[in-house]
PDB file of all heavy atoms in Angstrom:
ATOM      1  N   LYS A   1     -14.230  -7.321   1.207  1.00  0.00           N
ATOM      2  CA  LYS A   1     -15.681  -7.402   1.364  1.00  0.00           C
ATOM      3  C   LYS A   1     -16.371  -6.479   0.349  1.00  0.00           C
ATOM      4  O   LYS A   1     -17.416  -6.816  -0.217  1.00  0.00           O
ATOM      5  CB  LYS A   1     -16.070  -6.995   2.784  1.00  0.00           C
ATOM      6  CG  LYS A   1     -17.546  -7.210   3.116  1.00  0.00           C
ATOM      7  CD  LYS A   1     -17.905  -6.640   4.481  1.00  0.00           C
ATOM      8  CE  LYS A   1     -17.101  -7.306   5.588  1.00  0.00           C
ATOM      9  NZ  LYS A   1     -17.490  -6.776   6.930  1.00  0.00           N
ATOM     10  N   ALA A   2     -15.774  -5.304   0.101  1.00  0.00           N
ATOM     11  CA  ALA A   2     -16.381  -4.325  -0.811  1.00  0.00           C
ATOM     12  C   ALA A   2     -16.068  -4.602  -2.275  1.00  0.00           C
ATOM     13  O   ALA A   2     -16.885  -4.331  -3.156  1.00  0.00           O
ATOM     14  CB  ALA A   2     -15.908  -2.916  -0.440  1.00  0.00           C
ATOM     15  N   ILE A   3     -14.882  -5.155  -2.557  1.00  0.00           N
ATOM     16  CA  ILE A   3     -14.429  -5.304  -3.946  1.00  0.00           C
ATOM     17  C   ILE A   3     -14.444  -6.748  -4.421  1.00  0.00           C
ATOM     18  O   ILE A   3     -14.806  -7.044  -5.556  1.00  0.00           O
ATOM     19  CB  ILE A   3     -13.010  -4.702  -4.095  1.00  0.00           C
ATOM     20  CG1 ILE A   3     -13.046  -3.206  -3.760  1.00  0.00           C
ATOM     21  CG2 ILE A   3     -12.464  -4.923  -5.493  1.00  0.00           C
ATOM     22  CD1 ILE A   3     -11.689  -2.589  -3.535  1.00  0.00           C
ATOM     23  N   GLY A   4     -14.039  -7.652  -3.571  1.00  0.00           N
ATOM     24  CA  GLY A   4     -13.982  -9.065  -3.958  1.00  0.00           C
ATOM     25  C   GLY A   4     -12.852  -9.768  -3.231  1.00  0.00           C
ATOM     26  O   GLY A   4     -11.797  -9.173  -2.966  1.00  0.00           O
ATOM     27  N   GLU A   5     -13.058 -11.028  -2.939  1.00  0.00           N
ATOM     28  CA  GLU A   5     -12.093 -11.784  -2.145  1.00  0.00           C
ATOM     29  C   GLU A   5     -10.758 -11.984  -2.860  1.00  0.00           C
ATOM     30  O   GLU A   5      -9.739 -12.227  -2.223  1.00  0.00           O
ATOM     31  CB  GLU A   5     -12.678 -13.153  -1.763  1.00  0.00           C
ATOM     32  CG  GLU A   5     -13.783 -13.075  -0.727  1.00  0.00           C
ATOM     33  CD  GLU A   5     -13.289 -12.493   0.597  1.00  0.00           C
ATOM     34  OE1 GLU A   5     -12.143 -12.806   0.991  1.00  0.00           O
ATOM     35  OE2 GLU A   5     -14.035 -11.716   1.211  1.00  0.00           O
ATOM     36  N   ASN A   6     -10.737 -11.869  -4.178  1.00  0.00           N
ATOM     37  CA  ASN A   6      -9.503 -12.113  -4.931  1.00  0.00           C
ATOM     38  C   ASN A   6      -8.677 -10.854  -5.162  1.00  0.00           C
ATOM     39  O   ASN A   6      -7.678 -10.894  -5.895  1.00  0.00           O
ATOM     40  CB  ASN A   6      -9.830 -12.770  -6.270  1.00  0.00           C
ATOM     41  CG  ASN A   6     -10.421 -14.163  -6.087  1.00  0.00           C
ATOM     42  OD1 ASN A   6      -9.978 -14.923  -5.222  1.00  0.00           O
ATOM     43  ND2 ASN A   6     -11.428 -14.495  -6.901  1.00  0.00           N
ATOM     44  N   LEU A   7      -9.092  -9.734  -4.565  1.00  0.00           N
ATOM     45  CA  LEU A   7      -8.318  -8.499  -4.695  1.00  0.00           C
ATOM     46  C   LEU A   7      -6.893  -8.748  -4.217  1.00  0.00           C
ATOM     47  O   LEU A   7      -6.664  -9.284  -3.138  1.00  0.00           O
ATOM     48  CB  LEU A   7      -8.961  -7.388  -3.856  1.00  0.00           C
ATOM     49  CG  LEU A   7      -8.202  -6.059  -3.803  1.00  0.00           C
ATOM     50  CD1 LEU A   7      -8.223  -5.378  -5.162  1.00  0.00           C
ATOM     51  CD2 LEU A   7      -8.796  -5.147  -2.727  1.00  0.00           C
ATOM     52  N   HIS A   8      -5.916  -8.344  -5.036  1.00  0.00           N
ATOM     53  CA  HIS A   8      -4.500  -8.570  -4.688  1.00  0.00           C
ATOM     54  C   HIS A   8      -3.999  -7.402  -3.846  1.00  0.00           C
ATOM     55  O   HIS A   8      -4.031  -6.245  -4.276  1.00  0.00           O
ATOM     56  CB  HIS A   8      -3.652  -8.709  -5.946  1.00  0.00           C
ATOM     57  CG  HIS A   8      -2.246  -9.113  -5.656  1.00  0.00           C
ATOM     58  ND1 HIS A   8      -1.817 -10.419  -5.750  1.00  0.00           N
ATOM     59  CD2 HIS A   8      -1.172  -8.394  -5.247  1.00  0.00           C
ATOM     60  CE1 HIS A   8      -0.544 -10.483  -5.420  1.00  0.00           C
ATOM     61  NE2 HIS A   8      -0.127  -9.265  -5.111  1.00  0.00           N
ATOM     62  N   ILE A   9      -3.526  -7.688  -2.639  1.00  0.00           N
ATOM     63  CA  ILE A   9      -3.020  -6.661  -1.722  1.00  0.00           C
ATOM     64  C   ILE A   9      -1.592  -7.007  -1.327  1.00  0.00           C
ATOM     65  O   ILE A   9      -1.304  -8.107  -0.870  1.00  0.00           O
ATOM     66  CB  ILE A   9      -3.901  -6.563  -0.457  1.00  0.00           C
ATOM     67  CG1 ILE A   9      -5.347  -6.226  -0.833  1.00  0.00           C
ATOM     68  CG2 ILE A   9      -3.343  -5.501   0.498  1.00  0.00           C
ATOM     69  CD1 ILE A   9      -6.300  -6.221   0.347  1.00  0.00           C
ATOM     70  N   ASP A  10      -0.691  -6.057  -1.526  1.00  0.00           N
ATOM     71  CA  ASP A  10       0.694  -6.196  -1.071  1.00  0.00           C
ATOM     72  C   ASP A  10       0.922  -5.291   0.128  1.00  0.00           C
ATOM     73  O   ASP A  10       0.224  -4.284   0.317  1.00  0.00           O
ATOM     74  CB  ASP A  10       1.673  -5.820  -2.189  1.00  0.00           C
ATOM     75  CG  ASP A  10       1.702  -6.845  -3.307  1.00  0.00           C
ATOM     76  OD1 ASP A  10       1.371  -8.013  -3.034  1.00  0.00           O
ATOM     77  OD2 ASP A  10       2.042  -6.474  -4.443  1.00  0.00           O
ATOM     78  N   TYR A  11       1.938  -5.630   0.922  1.00  0.00           N
ATOM     79  CA  TYR A  11       2.260  -4.859   2.111  1.00  0.00           C
ATOM     80  C   TYR A  11       3.722  -4.433   2.062  1.00  0.00           C
ATOM     81  O   TYR A  11       4.583  -5.180   1.609  1.00  0.00           O
ATOM     82  CB  TYR A  11       2.016  -5.688   3.384  1.00  0.00           C
ATOM     83  CG  TYR A  11       0.617  -6.242   3.475  1.00  0.00           C
ATOM     84  CD1 TYR A  11       0.311  -7.490   2.932  1.00  0.00           C
ATOM     85  CD2 TYR A  11      -0.404  -5.515   4.070  1.00  0.00           C
ATOM     86  CE1 TYR A  11      -0.977  -7.999   2.993  1.00  0.00           C
ATOM     87  CE2 TYR A  11      -1.690  -6.017   4.139  1.00  0.00           C
ATOM     88  CZ  TYR A  11      -1.978  -7.260   3.590  1.00  0.00           C
ATOM     89  OH  TYR A  11      -3.250  -7.762   3.645  1.00  0.00           O
ATOM     90  N   SER A  12       3.981  -3.221   2.522  1.00  0.00           N
ATOM     91  CA  SER A  12       5.343  -2.718   2.581  1.00  0.00           C
ATOM     92  C   SER A  12       5.520  -1.994   3.904  1.00  0.00           C
ATOM     93  O   SER A  12       4.619  -1.259   4.337  1.00  0.00           O
ATOM     94  CB  SER A  12       5.606  -1.759   1.412  1.00  0.00           C
ATOM     95  OG  SER A  12       6.909  -1.218   1.477  1.00  0.00           O
ATOM     96  N   TYR A  13       6.673  -2.194   4.543  1.00  0.00           N
ATOM     97  CA  TYR A  13       6.916  -1.604   5.852  1.00  0.00           C
ATOM     98  C   TYR A  13       8.184  -0.763   5.829  1.00  0.00           C
ATOM     99  O   TYR A  13       9.143  -1.078   5.131  1.00  0.00           O
ATOM    100  CB  TYR A  13       7.039  -2.701   6.920  1.00  0.00           C
ATOM    101  CG  TYR A  13       5.823  -3.591   6.995  1.00  0.00           C
ATOM    102  CD1 TYR A  13       5.831  -4.848   6.386  1.00  0.00           C
ATOM    103  CD2 TYR A  13       4.669  -3.175   7.639  1.00  0.00           C
ATOM    104  CE1 TYR A  13       4.715  -5.666   6.436  1.00  0.00           C
ATOM    105  CE2 TYR A  13       3.543  -3.988   7.700  1.00  0.00           C
ATOM    106  CZ  TYR A  13       3.569  -5.229   7.096  1.00  0.00           C
ATOM    107  OH  TYR A  13       2.462  -6.034   7.141  1.00  0.00           O
ATOM    108  N   GLY A  14       8.187   0.311   6.590  1.00  0.00           N
ATOM    109  CA  GLY A  14       9.351   1.180   6.656  1.00  0.00           C
ATOM    110  C   GLY A  14       9.082   2.527   6.019  1.00  0.00           C
ATOM    111  O   GLY A  14       7.944   2.874   5.695  1.00  0.00           O
ATOM    112  N   LEU A  15      10.135   3.299   5.803  1.00  0.00           N
ATOM    113  CA  LEU A  15       9.997   4.667   5.321  1.00  0.00           C
ATOM    114  C   LEU A  15       9.933   4.776   3.802  1.00  0.00           C
ATOM    115  O   LEU A  15       9.562   5.833   3.285  1.00  0.00           O
ATOM    116  CB  LEU A  15      11.168   5.516   5.831  1.00  0.00           C
ATOM    117  CG  LEU A  15      11.261   5.668   7.353  1.00  0.00           C
ATOM    118  CD1 LEU A  15      12.507   6.470   7.722  1.00  0.00           C
ATOM    119  CD2 LEU A  15      10.022   6.327   7.924  1.00  0.00           C
ATOM    120  N   ASP A  16      10.291   3.725   3.082  1.00  0.00           N
ATOM    121  CA  ASP A  16      10.395   3.810   1.629  1.00  0.00           C
ATOM    122  C   ASP A  16       9.340   2.979   0.921  1.00  0.00           C
ATOM    123  O   ASP A  16       9.040   1.860   1.330  1.00  0.00           O
ATOM    124  CB  ASP A  16      11.782   3.335   1.172  1.00  0.00           C
ATOM    125  CG  ASP A  16      12.904   4.147   1.793  1.00  0.00           C
ATOM    126  OD1 ASP A  16      12.697   5.361   1.986  1.00  0.00           O
ATOM    127  OD2 ASP A  16      13.969   3.571   2.084  1.00  0.00           O
ATOM    128  N   LEU A  17       8.798   3.531  -0.161  1.00  0.00           N
ATOM    129  CA  LEU A  17       7.907   2.772  -1.022  1.00  0.00           C
ATOM    130  C   LEU A  17       8.714   1.767  -1.833  1.00  0.00           C
ATOM    131  O   LEU A  17       9.916   1.958  -2.056  1.00  0.00           O
ATOM    132  CB  LEU A  17       7.169   3.715  -1.976  1.00  0.00           C
ATOM    133  CG  LEU A  17       6.113   4.647  -1.375  1.00  0.00           C
ATOM    134  CD1 LEU A  17       5.608   5.608  -2.444  1.00  0.00           C
ATOM    135  CD2 LEU A  17       4.957   3.861  -0.788  1.00  0.00           C
ATOM    136  N   PRO A  18       8.088   0.699  -2.323  1.00  0.00           N
ATOM    137  CA  PRO A  18       8.794  -0.230  -3.224  1.00  0.00           C
ATOM    138  C   PRO A  18       9.286   0.497  -4.473  1.00  0.00           C
ATOM    139  O   PRO A  18       8.769   1.568  -4.827  1.00  0.00           O
ATOM    140  CB  PRO A  18       7.711  -1.273  -3.565  1.00  0.00           C
ATOM    141  CG  PRO A  18       6.729  -1.192  -2.449  1.00  0.00           C
ATOM    142  CD  PRO A  18       6.717   0.249  -2.014  1.00  0.00           C
ATOM    143  N   ASP A  19      10.258  -0.089  -5.137  1.00  0.00           N
ATOM    144  CA  ASP A  19      10.867   0.565  -6.295  1.00  0.00           C
ATOM    145  C   ASP A  19       9.872   0.818  -7.420  1.00  0.00           C
ATOM    146  O   ASP A  19       9.880   1.879  -8.032  1.00  0.00           O
ATOM    147  CB  ASP A  19      12.030  -0.282  -6.825  1.00  0.00           C
ATOM    148  CG  ASP A  19      13.168  -0.370  -5.822  1.00  0.00           C
ATOM    149  OD1 ASP A  19      13.295   0.547  -5.000  1.00  0.00           O
ATOM    150  OD2 ASP A  19      13.910  -1.370  -5.861  1.00  0.00           O
ATOM    151  N   ASP A  20       9.012  -0.146  -7.707  1.00  0.00           N
ATOM    152  CA  ASP A  20       8.069  -0.023  -8.828  1.00  0.00           C
ATOM    153  C   ASP A  20       6.646  -0.001  -8.297  1.00  0.00           C
ATOM    154  O   ASP A  20       6.096  -1.032  -7.918  1.00  0.00           O
ATOM    155  CB  ASP A  20       8.249  -1.183  -9.804  1.00  0.00           C
ATOM    156  CG  ASP A  20       7.291  -1.089 -10.984  1.00  0.00           C
ATOM    157  OD1 ASP A  20       6.750   0.023 -11.210  1.00  0.00           O
ATOM    158  OD2 ASP A  20       7.081  -2.106 -11.664  1.00  0.00           O
ATOM    159  N   ILE A  21       6.042   1.173  -8.274  1.00  0.00           N
ATOM    160  CA  ILE A  21       4.646   1.252  -7.811  1.00  0.00           C
ATOM    161  C   ILE A  21       3.668   1.411  -8.973  1.00  0.00           C
ATOM    162  O   ILE A  21       2.457   1.481  -8.747  1.00  0.00           O
ATOM    163  CB  ILE A  21       4.456   2.392  -6.799  1.00  0.00           C
ATOM    164  CG1 ILE A  21       4.719   3.746  -7.465  1.00  0.00           C
ATOM    165  CG2 ILE A  21       5.323   2.201  -5.566  1.00  0.00           C
ATOM    166  CD1 ILE A  21       4.152   4.897  -6.675  1.00  0.00           C
ATOM    167  N   SER A  22       4.194   1.450 -10.197  1.00  0.00           N
ATOM    168  CA  SER A  22       3.313   1.627 -11.354  1.00  0.00           C
ATOM    169  C   SER A  22       2.376   0.443 -11.541  1.00  0.00           C
ATOM    170  O   SER A  22       1.362   0.547 -12.234  1.00  0.00           O
ATOM    171  CB  SER A  22       4.146   1.836 -12.625  1.00  0.00           C
ATOM    172  OG  SER A  22       4.970   0.698 -12.877  1.00  0.00           O
ATOM    173  N   GLN A  23       2.691  -0.693 -10.919  1.00  0.00           N
ATOM    174  CA  GLN A  23       1.848  -1.883 -11.040  1.00  0.00           C
ATOM    175  C   GLN A  23       0.585  -1.795 -10.186  1.00  0.00           C
ATOM    176  O   GLN A  23      -0.309  -2.622 -10.317  1.00  0.00           O
ATOM    177  CB  GLN A  23       2.640  -3.114 -10.608  1.00  0.00           C
ATOM    178  CG  GLN A  23       3.127  -3.056  -9.159  1.00  0.00           C
ATOM    179  CD  GLN A  23       3.972  -4.227  -8.752  1.00  0.00           C
ATOM    180  OE1 GLN A  23       3.563  -5.371  -8.895  1.00  0.00           O
ATOM    181  NE2 GLN A  23       5.181  -3.948  -8.269  1.00  0.00           N
ATOM    182  N   TYR A  24       0.519  -0.780  -9.315  1.00  0.00           N
ATOM    183  CA  TYR A  24      -0.609  -0.696  -8.380  1.00  0.00           C
ATOM    184  C   TYR A  24      -1.688   0.263  -8.875  1.00  0.00           C
ATOM    185  O   TYR A  24      -1.419   1.243  -9.564  1.00  0.00           O
ATOM    186  CB  TYR A  24      -0.120  -0.255  -7.003  1.00  0.00           C
ATOM    187  CG  TYR A  24       0.793  -1.275  -6.370  1.00  0.00           C
ATOM    188  CD1 TYR A  24       2.172  -1.050  -6.284  1.00  0.00           C
ATOM    189  CD2 TYR A  24       0.292  -2.486  -5.898  1.00  0.00           C
ATOM    190  CE1 TYR A  24       3.018  -1.997  -5.726  1.00  0.00           C
ATOM    191  CE2 TYR A  24       1.133  -3.441  -5.337  1.00  0.00           C
ATOM    192  CZ  TYR A  24       2.487  -3.192  -5.261  1.00  0.00           C
ATOM    193  OH  TYR A  24       3.315  -4.131  -4.716  1.00  0.00           O
ATOM    194  N   ASP A  25      -2.917  -0.042  -8.485  1.00  0.00           N
ATOM    195  CA  ASP A  25      -4.060   0.812  -8.808  1.00  0.00           C
ATOM    196  C   ASP A  25      -4.371   1.780  -7.677  1.00  0.00           C
ATOM    197  O   ASP A  25      -5.111   2.741  -7.880  1.00  0.00           O
ATOM    198  CB  ASP A  25      -5.287  -0.062  -9.098  1.00  0.00           C
ATOM    199  CG  ASP A  25      -5.052  -0.998 -10.267  1.00  0.00           C
ATOM    200  OD1 ASP A  25      -5.063  -0.508 -11.414  1.00  0.00           O
ATOM    201  OD2 ASP A  25      -4.838  -2.211 -10.041  1.00  0.00           O
ATOM    202  N   LEU A  26      -3.810   1.515  -6.498  1.00  0.00           N
ATOM    203  CA  LEU A  26      -4.001   2.412  -5.360  1.00  0.00           C
ATOM    204  C   LEU A  26      -2.915   2.121  -4.329  1.00  0.00           C
ATOM    205  O   LEU A  26      -2.608   0.965  -4.042  1.00  0.00           O
ATOM    206  CB  LEU A  26      -5.381   2.202  -4.715  1.00  0.00           C
ATOM    207  CG  LEU A  26      -5.686   3.024  -3.457  1.00  0.00           C
ATOM    208  CD1 LEU A  26      -5.723   4.521  -3.785  1.00  0.00           C
ATOM    209  CD2 LEU A  26      -7.003   2.590  -2.816  1.00  0.00           C
ATOM    210  N   VAL A  27      -2.336   3.196  -3.780  1.00  0.00           N
ATOM    211  CA  VAL A  27      -1.396   3.090  -2.657  1.00  0.00           C
ATOM    212  C   VAL A  27      -2.080   3.677  -1.435  1.00  0.00           C
ATOM    213  O   VAL A  27      -2.620   4.788  -1.487  1.00  0.00           O
ATOM    214  CB  VAL A  27      -0.082   3.843  -2.948  1.00  0.00           C
ATOM    215  CG1 VAL A  27       0.783   3.921  -1.686  1.00  0.00           C
ATOM    216  CG2 VAL A  27       0.690   3.166  -4.073  1.00  0.00           C
ATOM    217  N   ILE A  28      -2.070   2.929  -0.326  1.00  0.00           N
ATOM    218  CA  ILE A  28      -2.702   3.378   0.913  1.00  0.00           C
ATOM    219  C   ILE A  28      -1.620   3.544   1.971  1.00  0.00           C
ATOM    220  O   ILE A  28      -0.961   2.572   2.356  1.00  0.00           O
ATOM    221  CB  ILE A  28      -3.760   2.376   1.407  1.00  0.00           C
ATOM    222  CG1 ILE A  28      -4.813   2.137   0.322  1.00  0.00           C
ATOM    223  CG2 ILE A  28      -4.421   2.874   2.690  1.00  0.00           C
ATOM    224  CD1 ILE A  28      -5.814   1.035   0.675  1.00  0.00           C
ATOM    225  N   LEU A  29      -1.424   4.780   2.442  1.00  0.00           N
ATOM    226  CA  LEU A  29      -0.442   5.056   3.476  1.00  0.00           C
ATOM    227  C   LEU A  29      -1.065   4.889   4.857  1.00  0.00           C
ATOM    228  O   LEU A  29      -2.274   5.035   5.031  1.00  0.00           O
ATOM    229  CB  LEU A  29       0.087   6.488   3.361  1.00  0.00           C
ATOM    230  CG  LEU A  29       0.729   6.916   2.043  1.00  0.00           C
ATOM    231  CD1 LEU A  29       1.218   8.355   2.171  1.00  0.00           C
ATOM    232  CD2 LEU A  29       1.877   5.995   1.662  1.00  0.00           C
ATOM    233  N   CYS A  30      -0.213   4.637   5.855  1.00  0.00           N
ATOM    234  CA  CYS A  30      -0.695   4.579   7.236  1.00  0.00           C
ATOM    235  C   CYS A  30      -1.059   5.992   7.694  1.00  0.00           C
ATOM    236  O   CYS A  30      -0.937   6.960   6.945  1.00  0.00           O
ATOM    237  CB  CYS A  30       0.354   3.960   8.154  1.00  0.00           C
ATOM    238  SG  CYS A  30       1.857   4.939   8.319  1.00  0.00           S
ATOM    239  N   ALA A  31      -1.489   6.126   8.951  1.00  0.00           N
ATOM    240  CA  ALA A  31      -1.903   7.434   9.460  1.00  0.00           C
ATOM    241  C   ALA A  31      -0.762   8.443   9.436  1.00  0.00           C
ATOM    242  O   ALA A  31      -0.983   9.644   9.270  1.00  0.00           O
ATOM    243  CB  ALA A  31      -2.443   7.281  10.879  1.00  0.00           C
ATOM    244  N   GLY A  32       0.458   7.977   9.619  1.00  0.00           N
ATOM    245  CA  GLY A  32       1.605   8.882   9.575  1.00  0.00           C
ATOM    246  C   GLY A  32       1.954   9.505  10.913  1.00  0.00           C
ATOM    247  O   GLY A  32       2.679  10.494  10.963  1.00  0.00           O
ATOM    248  N   CYS A  33       1.453   8.912  12.013  1.00  0.00           N
ATOM    249  CA  CYS A  33       1.681   9.536  13.322  1.00  0.00           C
ATOM    250  C   CYS A  33       3.130   9.460  13.764  1.00  0.00           C
ATOM    251  O   CYS A  33       3.558  10.248  14.610  1.00  0.00           O
ATOM    252  CB  CYS A  33       0.763   8.912  14.370  1.00  0.00           C
ATOM    253  SG  CYS A  33       1.001   7.138  14.622  1.00  0.00           S
ATOM    254  N   SER A  34       3.922   8.542  13.211  1.00  0.00           N
ATOM    255  CA  SER A  34       5.302   8.384  13.676  1.00  0.00           C
ATOM    256  C   SER A  34       6.335   8.621  12.584  1.00  0.00           C
ATOM    257  O   SER A  34       7.501   8.292  12.746  1.00  0.00           O
ATOM    258  CB  SER A  34       5.503   6.981  14.275  1.00  0.00           C
ATOM    259  OG  SER A  34       5.325   5.988  13.291  1.00  0.00           O
ATOM    260  N   ILE A  35       5.912   9.201  11.454  1.00  0.00           N
ATOM    261  CA  ILE A  35       6.865   9.518  10.392  1.00  0.00           C
ATOM    262  C   ILE A  35       6.774  11.007  10.071  1.00  0.00           C
ATOM    263  O   ILE A  35       5.803  11.674  10.430  1.00  0.00           O
ATOM    264  CB  ILE A  35       6.619   8.678   9.116  1.00  0.00           C
ATOM    265  CG1 ILE A  35       5.197   8.890   8.580  1.00  0.00           C
ATOM    266  CG2 ILE A  35       6.872   7.212   9.399  1.00  0.00           C
ATOM    267  CD1 ILE A  35       4.911   8.116   7.310  1.00  0.00           C
ATOM    268  N   SER A  36       7.791  11.539   9.419  1.00  0.00           N
ATOM    269  CA  SER A  36       7.865  12.979   9.184  1.00  0.00           C
ATOM    270  C   SER A  36       6.975  13.422   8.033  1.00  0.00           C
ATOM    271  O   SER A  36       6.574  12.629   7.178  1.00  0.00           O
ATOM    272  CB  SER A  36       9.313  13.376   8.883  1.00  0.00           C
ATOM    273  OG  SER A  36       9.704  12.883   7.605  1.00  0.00           O
TER     274      SER A  36
END
C-alpha cells in the first residue's frame, strides 16, 4: 500500500537466513519472542 503493489516480497522461515541476502534491499525480522 505504501510502496506499490508490484513490490517483490520473499518469505523465509526458521532460524537461518537464506544463503544469498545481497539481492534484498531490506530484511525484516520477526519480533524474536521465541528465538535466542
